[in-house]
């Protein structure tokens, strides 16, 4: 299964060249069977490690790193997989999403 499109990968890698910038996130991933959400802004050159807002649905969203390979292997009930939110259109820098998530103790649109 390919989680990210070529366009997502290109933009994540490009953003990774300037990690200090508060980029607008590129993609939102989620588990359809649970409350986990990842809002990713950049990718390391290894093509696997991404940085962004990670909310596992436990009330403590945080900025951090996540492995795409691990997300690809994640399975829920009836074999459900992590999905890309195809309707999500980011409008603010990652810091705004992180602030809203921390204030609400879960991912919410800022």
Protein backbone atom coordinates (compact mmCIF):
# COMPACT_ATOMS: atom_id res chain seq x y z
CA UNK A 1 0.00 0.00 0.00
CA UNK A 2 1.27 3.48 -0.86
CA UNK A 3 0.22 5.93 1.81
CA UNK A 4 1.42 9.18 0.23
CA UNK A 5 1.14 10.44 -3.31
CA UNK A 6 4.25 11.44 -5.25
CA UNK A 7 3.14 15.07 -4.90
CA UNK A 8 2.88 14.75 -1.09
CA UNK A 9 6.33 13.16 -0.93
CA UNK A 10 7.91 15.87 -3.10
CA UNK A 11 6.47 18.68 -0.96
CA UNK A 12 7.38 16.97 2.32
CA UNK A 13 10.97 16.48 1.13
CA UNK A 14 11.15 20.07 -0.11
CA UNK A 15 9.90 21.35 3.25
CA UNK A 16 12.51 19.16 4.92
CA UNK A 17 15.25 21.25 3.29
CA UNK A 18 14.21 24.17 5.52
CA UNK A 19 13.15 22.50 8.76
CA UNK A 20 13.24 25.71 10.79
CA UNK A 21 10.41 27.30 8.80
CA UNK A 22 6.88 26.95 10.19
CA UNK A 23 5.49 25.40 6.99
CA UNK A 24 1.84 24.85 6.22
CA UNK A 25 1.35 21.09 6.65
CA UNK A 26 1.23 18.93 3.54
CA UNK A 27 -0.97 16.00 4.49
CA UNK A 28 -3.30 14.76 7.23
CA UNK A 29 -3.41 11.04 8.01
CA UNK A 30 -5.87 9.35 10.34
CA UNK A 31 -7.10 6.00 11.62
CA UNK A 32 -10.75 5.43 10.65
CA UNK A 33 -11.19 3.06 13.60
CA UNK A 34 -9.66 5.24 16.33
CA UNK A 35 -8.86 8.85 17.16
CA UNK A 36 -5.28 8.96 15.89
CA UNK A 37 -4.30 11.82 13.56
CA UNK A 38 -0.98 12.89 12.04
CA UNK A 39 -0.56 16.30 10.37
CA UNK A 40 2.78 16.21 8.56
CA UNK A 41 4.88 19.15 7.41
CA UNK A 42 8.20 17.65 6.30
CA UNK A 43 10.15 14.47 5.57
CA UNK A 44 13.77 13.51 6.08
CA UNK A 45 15.82 12.39 3.08
CA UNK A 46 15.41 8.75 4.17
CA UNK A 47 11.91 8.93 2.63
CA UNK A 48 10.37 7.42 5.76
CA UNK A 49 10.69 9.74 8.75
CA UNK A 50 8.23 12.62 8.84
CA UNK A 51 7.75 15.49 11.28
CA UNK A 52 4.47 16.99 12.34
CA UNK A 53 1.65 16.99 14.84
CA UNK A 54 1.05 13.51 16.22
CA UNK A 55 -2.20 12.88 18.09
CA UNK A 56 -2.72 9.27 19.15
CA UNK A 57 -6.08 10.11 20.71
CA UNK A 58 -4.79 9.85 24.29
CA UNK A 59 -5.19 13.52 25.24
CA UNK A 60 -1.54 14.49 24.71
CA UNK A 61 -0.98 15.65 21.11
CA UNK A 62 2.63 16.61 20.42
CA UNK A 63 5.04 17.64 17.73
CA UNK A 64 7.32 14.78 16.80
CA UNK A 65 8.53 12.23 14.29
CA UNK A 66 6.68 9.30 12.79
CA UNK A 67 7.74 6.48 10.48
CA UNK A 68 5.65 6.06 7.34
CA UNK A 69 6.67 2.39 7.24
CA UNK A 70 5.18 1.90 10.70
CA UNK A 71 1.98 3.69 9.71
CA UNK A 72 1.74 1.52 6.59
CA UNK A 73 1.91 -1.61 8.75
CA UNK A 74 -0.71 -0.41 11.22
CA UNK A 75 -3.98 -2.40 11.00
CA UNK A 76 -7.30 -1.91 12.73
CA UNK A 77 -10.44 -4.03 12.90
CA UNK A 78 -11.26 -5.91 9.70
CA UNK A 79 -7.85 -4.91 8.29
CA UNK A 80 -8.54 -1.17 8.17
CA UNK A 81 -5.46 0.93 7.41
CA UNK A 82 -4.29 4.48 8.03
CA UNK A 83 -5.86 6.82 5.47
CA UNK A 84 -5.12 10.19 3.90
CA UNK A 85 -7.81 12.81 4.49
CA UNK A 86 -8.48 13.64 0.84
CA UNK A 87 -10.80 16.55 1.72
CA UNK A 88 -8.44 18.32 4.12
CA UNK A 89 -7.11 21.68 2.97
CA UNK A 90 -4.50 23.15 5.29
CA UNK A 91 -4.59 26.92 5.66
CA UNK A 92 -2.32 27.70 8.60
CA UNK A 93 1.25 26.89 9.63
CA UNK A 94 1.90 23.77 11.69
CA UNK A 95 2.26 25.84 14.89
CA UNK A 96 -1.43 26.86 14.67
CA UNK A 97 -2.54 23.22 14.41
CA UNK A 98 -0.27 22.29 17.32
CA UNK A 99 -1.56 25.16 19.51
CA UNK A 100 -5.20 24.23 18.86
CA UNK A 101 -4.48 20.56 19.58
CA UNK A 102 -2.69 21.33 22.84
CA UNK A 103 -5.46 23.69 23.99
CA UNK A 104 -8.15 21.07 23.27
CA UNK A 105 -6.03 18.02 24.18
CA UNK A 106 -6.84 16.55 20.77
CA UNK A 107 -6.55 17.43 17.08
CA UNK A 108 -8.99 20.15 16.07
CA UNK A 109 -8.89 22.56 13.17
CA UNK A 110 -7.51 25.91 14.39
